[in-house]
Amino acid sequence: MGVDRAHISAMERGQQNVTIITLWHVAEALNVKPAALLDDQRKSRKA
C-alpha cells in the first residue's frame, strides 16, 4: 500500500491527518469504498 504502519496507527487513533490519496489507497487495500472509511462511529456510541 505504500503507507507506513505507524502512520496507519496514528490515523486509526485520530492523531494523523489523512490525505484523499491515502484514504483512497487504504480503501483499495480493504476492498471498500472510501466513503465507508469516513463513517463517524461516535454517532452510534452516543445512543
Protein backbone atom coordinates (compact mmCIF):
# COMPACT_ATOMS: atom_id res chain seq x y z
CA MET A 1 0.00 0.00 0.00
CA GLY A 2 2.96 2.32 0.49
CA VAL A 3 1.88 3.78 3.84
CA ASP A 4 3.93 3.26 6.98
CA ARG A 5 2.18 1.20 9.66
CA ALA A 6 2.88 3.89 12.27
CA HIS A 7 1.04 6.36 10.02
CA ILE A 8 -1.93 3.97 9.73
CA SER A 9 -1.96 3.52 13.51
CA ALA A 10 -1.97 7.29 14.06
CA MET A 11 -4.84 7.64 11.56
CA GLU A 12 -6.84 5.00 13.42
CA ARG A 13 -6.36 6.88 16.69
CA GLY A 14 -7.34 10.20 15.10
CA GLN A 15 -3.88 11.66 15.65
CA GLN A 16 -2.90 11.98 12.00
CA ASN A 17 -4.48 13.92 9.16
CA VAL A 18 -5.32 11.83 6.12
CA THR A 19 -5.00 12.97 2.51
CA ILE A 20 -7.56 11.96 -0.09
CA ILE A 21 -4.92 9.87 -1.84
CA THR A 22 -4.06 7.99 1.37
CA LEU A 23 -7.75 7.45 2.05
CA TRP A 24 -8.14 6.05 -1.46
CA HIS A 25 -5.19 3.65 -1.03
CA VAL A 26 -6.46 2.40 2.33
CA ALA A 27 -9.94 1.85 0.88
CA GLU A 28 -8.49 -0.10 -2.04
CA ALA A 29 -6.40 -2.25 0.31
CA LEU A 30 -9.51 -3.01 2.39
CA ASN A 31 -11.70 -3.50 -0.69
CA VAL A 32 -14.25 -0.91 0.45
CA LYS A 33 -15.46 2.42 -0.89
CA PRO A 34 -13.60 5.46 0.54
CA ALA A 35 -16.89 6.76 1.98
CA ALA A 36 -17.06 3.69 4.22
CA LEU A 37 -13.91 4.90 5.97
CA LEU A 38 -15.50 8.27 6.71
CA ASP A 39 -18.44 6.90 8.71
CA ASP A 40 -18.45 8.64 12.08
CA GLN A 41 -18.64 5.84 14.64
CA ARG A 42 -19.10 8.29 17.50
CA LYS A 43 -22.73 8.78 16.47
CA SER A 44 -23.59 5.18 17.34
CA ARG A 45 -21.72 5.33 20.66
CA LYS A 46 -23.81 8.24 21.97
CA ALA A 47 -27.05 6.24 21.88
